[in-house]
N, C-alpha and C. Protein backbone atom coordinates (compact mmCIF):
# COMPACT_ATOMS: atom_id res chain seq x y z
N MET A 1 106.35 -60.38 128.94
CA MET A 1 106.16 -58.73 128.93
C MET A 1 107.03 -57.73 128.58
N ARG A 2 108.46 -59.11 128.77
CA ARG A 2 109.83 -58.18 127.87
C ARG A 2 109.70 -58.48 126.23
N ARG A 3 109.53 -59.53 126.23
CA ARG A 3 109.16 -59.91 125.00
C ARG A 3 108.38 -58.44 123.97
N LEU A 4 107.26 -58.10 124.56
CA LEU A 4 106.39 -57.55 123.85
C LEU A 4 107.37 -55.42 123.93
N ARG A 5 108.09 -55.46 125.26
CA ARG A 5 109.00 -54.48 125.09
C ARG A 5 109.86 -54.21 123.84
N THR A 6 110.64 -55.92 124.02
CA THR A 6 111.65 -55.78 122.58
C THR A 6 111.11 -55.79 121.66
N LEU A 7 109.69 -56.07 121.36
CA LEU A 7 109.28 -56.09 120.00
C LEU A 7 108.18 -54.72 119.50
N PHE A 8 108.10 -53.74 120.88
CA PHE A 8 107.50 -52.47 121.02
C PHE A 8 108.98 -51.49 119.93
N LEU A 9 110.20 -51.89 120.62
CA LEU A 9 111.34 -51.32 120.26
C LEU A 9 112.35 -51.13 118.91
N LEU A 10 111.49 -52.84 118.68
CA LEU A 10 112.28 -53.27 117.33
C LEU A 10 111.71 -52.71 116.67
N GLY A 11 110.01 -52.62 116.61
CA GLY A 11 108.95 -51.76 115.67
C GLY A 11 109.30 -50.33 115.59
N ALA A 12 109.36 -49.68 117.00
CA ALA A 12 109.81 -48.33 116.56
C ALA A 12 110.93 -47.30 116.16
N LEU A 13 112.03 -48.67 115.78
CA LEU A 13 113.65 -48.34 114.87
C LEU A 13 113.28 -48.67 113.80
N ALA A 14 112.24 -50.08 113.65
CA ALA A 14 111.99 -50.16 112.22
C ALA A 14 111.35 -48.59 111.44
N ALA A 15 110.77 -48.25 112.08
CA ALA A 15 110.02 -47.04 111.90
C ALA A 15 110.88 -45.93 111.36
N GLY A 16 111.65 -46.12 111.96
CA GLY A 16 113.27 -45.20 111.79
C GLY A 16 113.72 -44.97 112.93
N PRO A 17 115.01 -45.09 113.10
CA PRO A 17 115.98 -44.91 114.32
C PRO A 17 115.59 -43.59 115.32
N LEU A 18 114.95 -42.48 114.90
CA LEU A 18 114.50 -41.38 115.39
C LEU A 18 113.49 -41.43 116.13
N ALA A 19 112.72 -42.07 115.85
CA ALA A 19 111.48 -42.79 115.80
C ALA A 19 111.03 -42.05 117.05
N LEU A 20 111.95 -42.69 118.07
CA LEU A 20 111.95 -42.53 119.51
C LEU A 20 112.75 -41.49 120.02
N ALA A 21 113.21 -40.66 119.23
CA ALA A 21 114.09 -39.45 119.66
C ALA A 21 113.27 -37.78 120.07
N THR A 22 113.68 -37.02 120.43
CA THR A 22 112.57 -35.82 121.21
C THR A 22 112.49 -35.29 120.12
N PRO A 23 111.19 -35.10 119.87
CA PRO A 23 110.48 -34.00 119.08
C PRO A 23 111.55 -32.66 118.20
N ALA A 24 111.15 -32.64 117.38
CA ALA A 24 111.83 -31.39 116.31
C ALA A 24 112.41 -30.26 117.28
N PRO A 25 110.70 -29.87 118.05
CA PRO A 25 111.34 -28.19 118.71
C PRO A 25 111.91 -28.41 119.80
N SER A 26 112.00 -29.08 120.56
CA SER A 26 112.58 -29.40 121.71
C SER A 26 114.49 -29.85 121.50
N LEU A 27 114.54 -30.53 120.26
CA LEU A 27 115.65 -30.73 119.76
C LEU A 27 116.50 -29.61 119.14
N ALA A 28 115.81 -29.08 118.58
CA ALA A 28 116.28 -27.33 117.72
C ALA A 28 116.48 -26.54 118.88
N GLN A 29 116.03 -26.04 120.67
CA GLN A 29 116.12 -25.71 121.06
C GLN A 29 117.61 -25.85 122.15
N SER A 30 117.68 -27.43 122.17
CA SER A 30 118.90 -27.82 122.76
C SER A 30 120.23 -27.04 122.09
N ARG A 31 120.47 -26.62 120.95
CA ARG A 31 121.66 -25.71 120.49
C ARG A 31 121.43 -25.32 119.30
N ALA A 32 121.05 -23.80 119.67
CA ALA A 32 120.42 -22.84 118.46
C ALA A 32 121.12 -23.39 117.40
N ASN A 33 122.77 -22.93 117.86
CA ASN A 33 123.61 -22.81 116.79
C ASN A 33 125.11 -23.08 117.57
N VAL A 34 125.87 -23.15 116.62
CA VAL A 34 127.46 -23.48 117.09
C VAL A 34 127.94 -22.07 117.91
N ALA A 35 127.52 -21.23 118.15
CA ALA A 35 127.91 -20.38 118.84
C ALA A 35 127.89 -20.08 120.02
N MET A 36 126.95 -21.13 120.09
CA MET A 36 127.07 -21.33 121.98
C MET A 36 127.76 -22.56 122.50
N ALA A 37 128.40 -22.71 121.59
CA ALA A 37 129.81 -23.38 122.18
C ALA A 37 130.64 -22.55 122.66
N GLU A 38 131.50 -23.01 124.34
CA GLU A 38 132.72 -21.96 124.33
C GLU A 38 134.06 -22.50 123.80
N SER A 39 134.30 -20.92 123.59
CA SER A 39 135.85 -21.33 122.80
C SER A 39 136.28 -21.96 121.43
N TRP A 40 134.71 -21.95 120.77
CA TRP A 40 135.14 -22.36 119.34
C TRP A 40 135.14 -21.42 118.03
N PRO A 41 136.77 -21.58 117.68
CA PRO A 41 136.70 -20.80 116.67
C PRO A 41 135.61 -20.19 115.43
N GLU A 42 135.44 -18.96 115.30
CA GLU A 42 134.50 -18.59 114.36
C GLU A 42 135.10 -18.59 113.11
N ALA A 43 133.96 -18.81 111.65
CA ALA A 43 135.17 -19.28 110.63
C ALA A 43 134.71 -17.88 109.52
N ASP A 44 135.68 -17.97 108.90
CA ASP A 44 135.70 -16.90 107.81
C ASP A 44 134.61 -17.17 107.17
N PRO A 45 133.47 -16.16 106.92
CA PRO A 45 132.11 -16.37 106.41
C PRO A 45 132.80 -16.76 104.79
N ASP A 46 133.71 -16.63 103.92
CA ASP A 46 134.01 -17.28 102.36
C ASP A 46 133.93 -18.97 102.35
N ASP A 47 134.56 -19.13 103.87
CA ASP A 47 134.82 -20.42 103.69
C ASP A 47 133.29 -21.25 104.15
N VAL A 48 132.60 -20.74 104.30
CA VAL A 48 131.32 -21.92 104.62
C VAL A 48 130.24 -21.01 104.22
N GLU A 49 130.25 -20.51 103.17
CA GLU A 49 129.07 -20.31 102.25
C GLU A 49 128.19 -20.95 101.59
N SER A 50 129.02 -21.92 101.32
CA SER A 50 128.89 -23.05 100.19
C SER A 50 128.66 -24.09 100.60
N VAL A 51 128.37 -25.23 99.76
CA VAL A 51 129.11 -26.72 100.23
C VAL A 51 130.12 -26.26 99.61
N ASP A 52 130.46 -25.93 97.93
CA ASP A 52 131.77 -25.97 97.09
C ASP A 52 132.66 -25.03 98.65
N SER A 53 132.49 -24.19 99.06
CA SER A 53 133.66 -23.53 99.35
C SER A 53 133.82 -23.98 100.80
N ILE A 54 133.07 -25.18 101.36
CA ILE A 54 133.74 -25.27 102.86
C ILE A 54 134.73 -26.84 102.70
N LEU A 55 134.00 -27.13 101.55
CA LEU A 55 135.00 -28.60 100.93
C LEU A 55 135.98 -27.98 100.61
N THR A 56 136.42 -26.94 99.78
CA THR A 56 137.23 -26.57 99.53
C THR A 56 138.32 -26.12 100.52
N ALA A 57 137.79 -25.51 101.86
CA ALA A 57 138.44 -24.94 102.67
C ALA A 57 139.00 -25.97 103.87
N LEU A 58 138.25 -26.67 103.60
CA LEU A 58 138.78 -28.24 104.45
C LEU A 58 139.94 -28.72 103.75
N TYR A 59 139.38 -29.27 102.39
CA TYR A 59 141.19 -29.51 101.72
C TYR A 59 142.30 -28.93 101.50
N ASP A 60 142.29 -27.42 101.74
CA ASP A 60 143.13 -26.54 101.61
C ASP A 60 143.70 -26.65 102.79
N VAL A 61 143.00 -26.44 104.16
CA VAL A 61 143.83 -25.77 105.09
C VAL A 61 144.48 -26.81 105.79
N ILE A 62 143.67 -28.33 105.41
CA ILE A 62 144.94 -29.55 105.79
C ILE A 62 146.25 -29.62 104.47
N SER A 63 146.84 -28.93 103.68
CA SER A 63 147.43 -29.26 102.60
C SER A 63 148.42 -27.92 103.08
N GLY A 64 149.79 -28.51 102.51
CA GLY A 64 150.59 -27.50 102.53
C GLY A 64 152.46 -28.15 102.76
N PRO A 65 153.35 -27.73 102.20
CA PRO A 65 154.72 -28.16 102.33
C PRO A 65 154.95 -28.60 103.48
N ALA A 66 156.09 -29.19 103.35
CA ALA A 66 156.94 -30.16 104.94
C ALA A 66 156.86 -28.36 105.67
N GLY A 67 157.31 -28.27 106.88
CA GLY A 67 157.97 -27.32 107.73
C GLY A 67 156.78 -26.29 107.83
N GLN A 68 155.90 -26.05 106.80
CA GLN A 68 154.17 -25.42 107.33
C GLN A 68 152.95 -25.56 108.33
N ALA A 69 152.90 -24.95 109.38
CA ALA A 69 152.36 -25.21 110.25
C ALA A 69 150.91 -24.40 109.99
N ARG A 70 149.61 -26.29 110.09
CA ARG A 70 148.57 -25.60 109.63
C ARG A 70 147.52 -24.44 110.43
N ASP A 71 146.64 -24.23 109.85
CA ASP A 71 146.03 -23.15 111.12
C ASP A 71 144.85 -23.77 111.30
N TRP A 72 144.64 -24.61 112.74
CA TRP A 72 143.99 -25.80 112.66
C TRP A 72 142.53 -24.90 113.66
N ASP A 73 143.11 -23.66 113.99
CA ASP A 73 141.66 -23.18 114.84
C ASP A 73 140.46 -22.22 113.15
N ARG A 74 141.39 -22.47 112.02
CA ARG A 74 141.09 -22.35 110.89
C ARG A 74 139.91 -23.88 110.80
N PHE A 75 140.48 -24.89 111.05
CA PHE A 75 140.13 -26.24 111.06
C PHE A 75 138.78 -26.63 111.62
N ARG A 76 139.09 -26.48 113.12
CA ARG A 76 137.82 -26.34 113.83
C ARG A 76 136.79 -25.67 112.97
N SER A 77 137.05 -24.38 112.77
CA SER A 77 136.09 -23.39 112.89
C SER A 77 134.70 -24.00 111.51
N LEU A 78 135.37 -24.78 111.06
CA LEU A 78 134.36 -25.60 109.95
C LEU A 78 133.71 -26.92 110.39
N PHE A 79 133.71 -27.56 111.62
CA PHE A 79 133.09 -28.57 112.45
C PHE A 79 132.06 -27.88 113.26
N ILE A 80 131.33 -28.64 113.37
CA ILE A 80 129.78 -28.40 114.61
C ILE A 80 131.56 -29.06 115.85
N PRO A 81 131.43 -28.47 117.12
CA PRO A 81 132.04 -28.95 118.18
C PRO A 81 131.88 -30.19 118.42
N GLU A 82 130.71 -31.03 118.14
CA GLU A 82 130.94 -32.97 118.00
C GLU A 82 131.15 -33.41 116.92
N ALA A 83 131.46 -32.71 116.26
CA ALA A 83 131.88 -33.42 115.00
C ALA A 83 132.43 -34.83 114.91
N ARG A 84 132.75 -35.44 114.25
CA ARG A 84 133.67 -36.58 114.39
C ARG A 84 134.59 -36.78 112.70
N LEU A 85 135.78 -37.80 113.09
CA LEU A 85 136.23 -37.98 111.98
C LEU A 85 136.61 -39.28 111.78
N ILE A 86 136.68 -40.12 111.20
CA ILE A 86 136.59 -41.20 110.95
C ILE A 86 137.34 -42.12 110.14
N PRO A 87 138.00 -42.43 110.51
CA PRO A 87 139.35 -42.91 109.27
C PRO A 87 139.25 -44.80 109.20
N THR A 88 138.77 -45.40 108.16
CA THR A 88 138.56 -47.10 108.65
C THR A 88 139.85 -47.13 107.43
N GLY A 89 140.05 -48.90 108.01
CA GLY A 89 141.09 -49.41 107.01
C GLY A 89 141.73 -50.58 107.39
N ARG A 90 142.40 -51.27 106.92
CA ARG A 90 142.64 -52.85 106.97
C ARG A 90 143.88 -52.65 107.16
N SER A 91 144.67 -53.56 108.31
CA SER A 91 145.95 -53.56 108.79
C SER A 91 146.56 -54.79 108.03
N PRO A 92 148.14 -54.48 108.16
CA PRO A 92 149.24 -56.06 107.37
C PRO A 92 148.26 -57.29 107.47
N GLU A 93 147.79 -57.28 108.50
CA GLU A 93 146.94 -59.16 108.77
C GLU A 93 145.55 -58.90 108.20
N GLY A 94 145.04 -58.17 107.66
CA GLY A 94 143.60 -58.19 107.20
C GLY A 94 143.18 -57.51 107.86
N GLU A 95 143.12 -57.46 109.23
CA GLU A 95 142.19 -56.87 110.17
C GLU A 95 141.07 -55.81 110.01
N HIS A 96 140.04 -55.34 109.94
CA HIS A 96 139.70 -53.83 109.87
C HIS A 96 139.42 -53.55 111.01
N GLY A 97 139.20 -52.20 110.61
CA GLY A 97 139.39 -51.40 111.68
C GLY A 97 138.84 -49.67 111.80
N TYR A 98 138.86 -48.97 112.81
CA TYR A 98 138.65 -47.62 112.25
C TYR A 98 138.96 -47.14 113.68
N GLN A 99 139.17 -45.35 113.32
CA GLN A 99 139.91 -44.89 114.50
C GLN A 99 138.46 -43.45 114.58
N VAL A 100 138.05 -42.71 116.03
CA VAL A 100 137.15 -41.98 116.00
C VAL A 100 137.90 -40.64 116.28
N TRP A 101 137.51 -39.75 116.06
CA TRP A 101 138.64 -38.47 116.25
C TRP A 101 137.56 -36.95 116.62
N SER A 102 137.68 -36.56 117.48
CA SER A 102 137.11 -35.08 117.48
C SER A 102 138.05 -34.52 116.12
N PRO A 103 137.84 -32.88 115.89
CA PRO A 103 138.64 -32.15 115.18
C PRO A 103 139.72 -31.69 116.17
N GLY A 104 139.78 -31.58 117.08
CA GLY A 104 140.58 -30.94 118.04
C GLY A 104 141.80 -32.24 117.78
N GLU A 105 141.85 -33.69 118.27
CA GLU A 105 141.96 -34.83 118.48
C GLU A 105 142.71 -35.17 117.03
N TYR A 106 142.07 -35.09 115.70
CA TYR A 106 142.98 -35.01 114.53
C TYR A 106 143.80 -34.23 114.50
N ALA A 107 143.69 -32.53 114.68
CA ALA A 107 144.90 -31.96 114.76
C ALA A 107 145.66 -32.59 115.60
N GLU A 108 145.64 -33.00 117.01
CA GLU A 108 146.52 -33.44 117.68
C GLU A 108 147.05 -34.53 116.90
N GLN A 109 146.20 -35.60 116.46
CA GLN A 109 147.03 -37.10 116.22
C GLN A 109 147.78 -36.67 114.66
N ALA A 110 147.54 -36.12 113.79
CA ALA A 110 147.33 -36.10 112.10
C ALA A 110 148.69 -34.73 112.35
N GLY A 111 147.97 -33.89 112.45
CA GLY A 111 149.45 -32.41 112.36
C GLY A 111 150.76 -32.45 112.29
N GLY A 112 151.61 -33.44 113.32
CA GLY A 112 152.76 -33.50 113.08
C GLY A 112 153.22 -34.12 112.08
N PHE A 113 152.42 -35.35 111.77
CA PHE A 113 153.04 -36.17 110.65
C PHE A 113 152.58 -34.76 108.99
N LEU A 114 151.50 -34.18 109.01
CA LEU A 114 151.25 -33.39 108.23
C LEU A 114 152.54 -32.44 107.83
N GLU A 115 152.78 -31.50 108.77
CA GLU A 115 153.75 -30.37 108.72
C GLU A 115 155.11 -31.19 108.95
N GLN A 116 155.28 -32.60 109.09
CA GLN A 116 156.79 -32.52 108.63
C GLN A 116 157.10 -33.18 107.22
N ASN A 117 156.14 -34.10 107.02
CA ASN A 117 156.58 -34.68 105.25
C ASN A 117 155.80 -33.82 104.26
N GLY A 118 155.11 -32.75 104.67
CA GLY A 118 154.24 -32.21 103.22
C GLY A 118 153.47 -33.00 103.23
N PHE A 119 152.15 -32.39 102.65
CA PHE A 119 150.72 -33.08 102.33
C PHE A 119 149.85 -32.53 101.80
N PHE A 120 149.24 -32.57 100.47
CA PHE A 120 148.56 -31.84 99.95
C PHE A 120 147.50 -33.06 99.38
N GLU A 121 146.10 -32.16 99.73
CA GLU A 121 144.86 -33.19 99.27
C GLU A 121 144.21 -32.61 98.30
N ARG A 122 143.22 -33.04 97.40
CA ARG A 122 142.57 -32.30 97.15
C ARG A 122 141.27 -33.08 96.56
N GLU A 123 139.79 -32.51 96.04
CA GLU A 123 139.07 -33.41 95.72
C GLU A 123 139.01 -33.45 93.83
N ILE A 124 138.89 -34.69 93.97
CA ILE A 124 139.29 -34.60 92.45
C ILE A 124 137.51 -35.27 91.55
N ALA A 125 136.78 -35.53 92.54
CA ALA A 125 135.47 -35.94 91.73
C ALA A 125 134.32 -35.66 92.92
N ARG A 126 133.29 -35.19 92.86
CA ARG A 126 132.18 -35.48 94.32
C ARG A 126 130.91 -36.07 93.50
N THR A 127 129.92 -37.08 94.51
CA THR A 127 128.62 -36.85 94.30
C THR A 127 127.98 -36.59 95.70
N GLU A 128 127.00 -36.13 95.32
CA GLU A 128 125.71 -35.62 96.27
C GLU A 128 125.05 -35.35 96.38
N GLU A 129 124.12 -35.53 97.32
CA GLU A 129 122.72 -35.93 98.15
C GLU A 129 122.46 -34.78 98.91
N ARG A 130 121.17 -34.04 98.58
CA ARG A 130 120.62 -33.01 99.22
C ARG A 130 119.29 -33.27 100.09
N PHE A 131 118.81 -32.89 101.21
CA PHE A 131 117.61 -33.11 101.85
C PHE A 131 117.20 -31.71 103.12
N GLY A 132 117.20 -30.80 101.95
CA GLY A 132 117.10 -29.25 103.19
C GLY A 132 118.05 -28.70 103.61
N PRO A 133 118.54 -28.85 104.95
CA PRO A 133 119.92 -28.62 104.99
C PRO A 133 120.80 -29.70 105.67
N VAL A 134 120.35 -30.57 105.03
CA VAL A 134 121.96 -32.02 105.15
C VAL A 134 121.77 -32.41 104.21
N VAL A 135 123.21 -32.39 103.92
CA VAL A 135 124.35 -32.71 102.60
C VAL A 135 124.74 -33.86 102.74
N HIS A 136 124.55 -34.71 102.13
CA HIS A 136 125.78 -36.27 101.86
C HIS A 136 126.32 -36.27 100.67
N ALA A 137 127.97 -35.47 100.75
CA ALA A 137 129.05 -35.75 99.68
C ALA A 137 129.79 -37.04 100.07
N PHE A 138 129.77 -37.55 98.44
CA PHE A 138 130.91 -38.28 98.43
C PHE A 138 131.95 -37.89 97.77
N SER A 139 132.97 -37.36 98.31
CA SER A 139 134.39 -36.77 97.79
C SER A 139 135.50 -37.27 97.62
N THR A 140 135.76 -37.95 96.40
CA THR A 140 137.13 -38.53 95.86
C THR A 140 138.24 -37.34 96.09
N TYR A 141 139.19 -38.53 96.82
CA TYR A 141 140.66 -37.45 97.17
C TYR A 141 141.87 -38.06 96.44
N ASP A 142 142.46 -37.37 95.91
CA ASP A 142 143.98 -37.54 95.88
C ASP A 142 144.45 -37.05 96.83
N SER A 143 145.98 -37.71 97.53
CA SER A 143 147.14 -37.13 97.88
C SER A 143 148.71 -37.35 97.48
N LYS A 144 149.12 -35.68 97.57
CA LYS A 144 150.24 -36.33 97.08
C LYS A 144 151.22 -35.02 98.37
N ARG A 145 152.69 -35.85 98.16
CA ARG A 145 153.52 -34.88 99.40
C ARG A 145 153.74 -33.46 99.09
N THR A 146 154.05 -33.09 97.95
CA THR A 146 154.30 -31.84 97.05
C THR A 146 153.15 -31.39 96.31
N ALA A 147 152.88 -30.21 96.11
CA ALA A 147 151.79 -29.94 94.94
C ALA A 147 152.14 -30.37 93.02
N ASP A 148 153.38 -30.55 93.07
CA ASP A 148 153.69 -30.63 91.90
C ASP A 148 154.13 -32.11 91.61
N ASP A 149 154.20 -32.99 92.94
CA ASP A 149 154.01 -34.55 92.44
C ASP A 149 153.56 -35.16 91.17
N PRO A 150 154.27 -35.63 90.54
CA PRO A 150 153.12 -36.19 88.68
C PRO A 150 151.77 -37.20 89.13
N GLU A 151 152.22 -37.86 90.10
CA GLU A 151 151.54 -39.04 90.84
C GLU A 151 150.96 -38.61 92.06
N PRO A 152 149.72 -39.50 92.51
CA PRO A 152 149.47 -38.88 93.81
C PRO A 152 150.15 -40.53 94.84
N PHE A 153 150.08 -40.53 95.93
CA PHE A 153 150.54 -41.64 96.47
C PHE A 153 149.62 -42.27 97.28
N ALA A 154 148.53 -41.86 97.01
CA ALA A 154 147.21 -42.12 97.91
C ALA A 154 145.93 -41.48 97.17
N ARG A 155 144.70 -42.72 97.19
CA ARG A 155 143.46 -41.69 96.54
C ARG A 155 142.44 -42.46 97.38
N GLY A 156 140.91 -41.87 97.75
CA GLY A 156 139.93 -42.46 98.57
C GLY A 156 139.00 -41.75 98.53
N ILE A 157 137.65 -42.16 99.10
CA ILE A 157 136.77 -41.39 99.07
C ILE A 157 136.35 -40.86 100.95
N ASN A 158 136.31 -39.64 100.52
CA ASN A 158 136.03 -38.89 101.88
C ASN A 158 134.42 -39.23 102.12
N SER A 159 133.09 -39.54 103.01
CA SER A 159 132.27 -39.71 103.27
C SER A 159 131.57 -38.61 103.61
N ILE A 160 131.53 -37.70 103.59
CA ILE A 160 131.19 -36.18 104.44
C ILE A 160 130.04 -35.72 104.61
N GLN A 161 129.44 -35.75 105.92
CA GLN A 161 128.08 -35.00 105.96
C GLN A 161 127.85 -33.55 106.57
N LEU A 162 127.16 -32.81 106.03
CA LEU A 162 126.71 -31.30 106.12
C LEU A 162 125.88 -31.28 106.60
N MET A 163 126.24 -29.78 107.38
CA MET A 163 124.49 -29.44 107.79
C MET A 163 124.74 -27.79 107.34
N HIS A 164 123.40 -27.02 107.30
CA HIS A 164 123.43 -25.97 107.28
C HIS A 164 122.27 -25.04 108.08
N ASP A 165 122.15 -24.31 109.39
CA ASP A 165 122.00 -23.90 110.10
C ASP A 165 121.15 -22.67 110.26
N GLY A 166 120.66 -22.27 108.50
CA GLY A 166 120.25 -21.34 107.99
C GLY A 166 121.29 -19.72 107.96
N GLY A 167 122.50 -20.01 108.52
CA GLY A 167 123.29 -19.38 108.29
C GLY A 167 124.52 -19.06 107.60
N ARG A 168 125.24 -20.48 107.63
CA ARG A 168 126.44 -21.00 106.72
C ARG A 168 126.06 -22.69 107.10
N TRP A 169 127.26 -23.13 106.63
CA TRP A 169 128.00 -25.05 106.44
C TRP A 169 128.80 -25.39 107.31
N TYR A 170 127.96 -26.38 108.05
CA TYR A 170 129.10 -27.33 108.62
C TYR A 170 129.10 -28.53 108.31
N VAL A 171 130.76 -29.24 108.60
CA VAL A 171 131.08 -31.00 108.58
C VAL A 171 130.56 -31.05 109.95
N VAL A 172 130.08 -31.83 110.08
CA VAL A 172 129.21 -32.81 110.76
C VAL A 172 130.03 -33.95 111.10
N THR A 173 130.53 -34.49 110.17
CA THR A 173 131.29 -35.85 110.12
C THR A 173 132.10 -36.51 108.82
N ILE A 174 133.09 -37.00 108.59
CA ILE A 174 134.13 -37.31 107.85
C ILE A 174 134.41 -38.62 108.12
N TYR A 175 133.65 -39.88 107.29
CA TYR A 175 133.98 -41.10 107.41
C TYR A 175 135.33 -41.56 106.14
N TRP A 176 136.29 -42.17 106.10
CA TRP A 176 136.74 -42.45 105.06
C TRP A 176 137.50 -43.74 105.01
N ALA A 177 137.71 -43.96 103.53
CA ALA A 177 138.24 -45.03 103.06
C ALA A 177 139.72 -44.88 102.17
N ALA A 178 140.81 -45.24 102.21
CA ALA A 178 141.42 -45.04 101.31
C ALA A 178 141.54 -46.32 100.13
N GLU A 179 141.87 -45.92 99.16
CA GLU A 179 141.85 -46.73 97.58
C GLU A 179 143.10 -47.84 98.01
N ARG A 180 142.84 -49.38 97.95
CA ARG A 180 143.76 -50.34 98.09
C ARG A 180 143.74 -51.14 96.67
N PRO A 181 144.52 -51.99 96.26
CA PRO A 181 144.79 -53.02 95.41
C PRO A 181 143.31 -53.64 94.92
N ASP A 182 143.05 -54.13 96.23
CA ASP A 182 141.50 -55.08 96.49
C ASP A 182 140.44 -54.29 96.03
N LEU A 183 140.79 -52.67 96.77
CA LEU A 183 139.18 -52.11 96.31
C LEU A 183 139.60 -50.68 95.52
N PRO A 184 139.81 -50.88 94.76
CA PRO A 184 139.94 -49.89 93.25
C PRO A 184 138.34 -48.80 93.62
N ILE A 185 138.50 -47.51 93.30
CA ILE A 185 137.49 -46.93 93.52
C ILE A 185 136.91 -47.11 92.12
N PRO A 186 135.50 -47.19 92.59
CA PRO A 186 134.08 -47.59 91.07
C PRO A 186 134.47 -46.05 90.32
N GLY A 187 133.88 -46.16 88.80
CA GLY A 187 133.72 -45.81 88.20
C GLY A 187 133.26 -43.92 87.95
N PRO A 188 131.59 -44.27 88.78
CA PRO A 188 131.29 -43.38 89.15
C PRO A 188 131.54 -42.16 89.87
N TYR A 189 132.72 -42.72 91.12
CA TYR A 189 133.12 -41.58 91.92
C TYR A 189 134.38 -41.17 91.22
N LEU A 190 134.63 -41.31 90.12
CA LEU A 190 136.18 -40.98 89.57
C LEU A 190 135.97 -39.76 88.31
N PRO A 191 136.51 -38.84 87.90
CA PRO A 191 136.56 -37.52 87.36
C PRO A 191 135.73 -38.08 86.10
N SER A 192 135.26 -37.35 85.50
CA SER A 192 134.55 -37.40 84.40
C SER A 192 134.68 -38.20 83.31
N GLY A 193 136.23 -38.18 83.17
CA GLY A 193 137.28 -38.82 81.87
C GLY A 193 137.36 -40.69 82.19
N ASN A 194 137.41 -40.82 83.51
CA ASN A 194 137.30 -42.08 83.91
C ASN A 194 135.80 -42.83 84.59
N GLY A 195 134.36 -42.14 84.11
CA GLY A 195 133.62 -42.72 84.49
C GLY A 195 132.58 -42.30 84.54
N GLY A 196 132.77 -41.00 85.58
CA GLY A 196 131.44 -39.97 85.98
C GLY A 196 132.38 -39.00 87.38
N GLY A 197 131.06 -38.46 87.78
CA GLY A 197 131.65 -37.28 89.52
C GLY A 197 131.35 -36.00 88.29
N THR A 198 132.29 -34.99 89.26
CA THR A 198 132.32 -33.94 89.31
C THR A 198 133.29 -33.48 89.45
N PRO A 199 134.14 -33.58 87.82
CA PRO A 199 136.17 -33.02 88.30
C PRO A 199 136.39 -31.57 89.72
C-alpha cells in the first residue's frame, strides 16, 4: 500500500508540481492582491507599470554613492510580501551555497554595505519569457563603486520572476549568481555587441 501511495505521488508530481495544489479559484481567493498585506508600502505607479519600469526601479533603488541612505520602503513596495531574494555562490574553499532573504532581511543585511561603500548596479542585457501574468527575466548586471568607475568590480545574472495582478507588476523572486573566472557569462546573456541580449 505504501508503494502504491508513493507511485501515485510521483505520478502526480511528474504531471506537474502544482497538480496536487489547491484549484485556481480558491488560490486566487487566498490573497486577492498585495493591498491585503498589513503595513506593506504602496508603490509609485511609475515604478510598477511595466516590466521595464519595475526592473529599472529595482536597480535604481539599491544604487547610490557612499553615505546616501537607500529608500527601503520604495524597495519593499516593488515586491510581494512573501518575495525571496536568493544569492548563490562559492566559498574560497570551493563549497557552493546560498542565502534566502525576504525584502526586509535583504535591506537589513545588505543596506549597511551599500550605503557605506557606494554601490551602483545596472542592467546591461536581458532575455525575457512571458506567459500571461508570469514573466521570467534573465537580467545581466554590472556593479560599480561609483557611477563613473571605468570598469565594474562585478558582473552576474539576476534570475527575476515577476507577476502582474491585473493592475501592476510585482517582483516575486530574485535568484542570482556572480560571474567568476571559471563561470563567465555566456554570450547570449551579454549586450548585443558581445553575443546577444538587450542592452
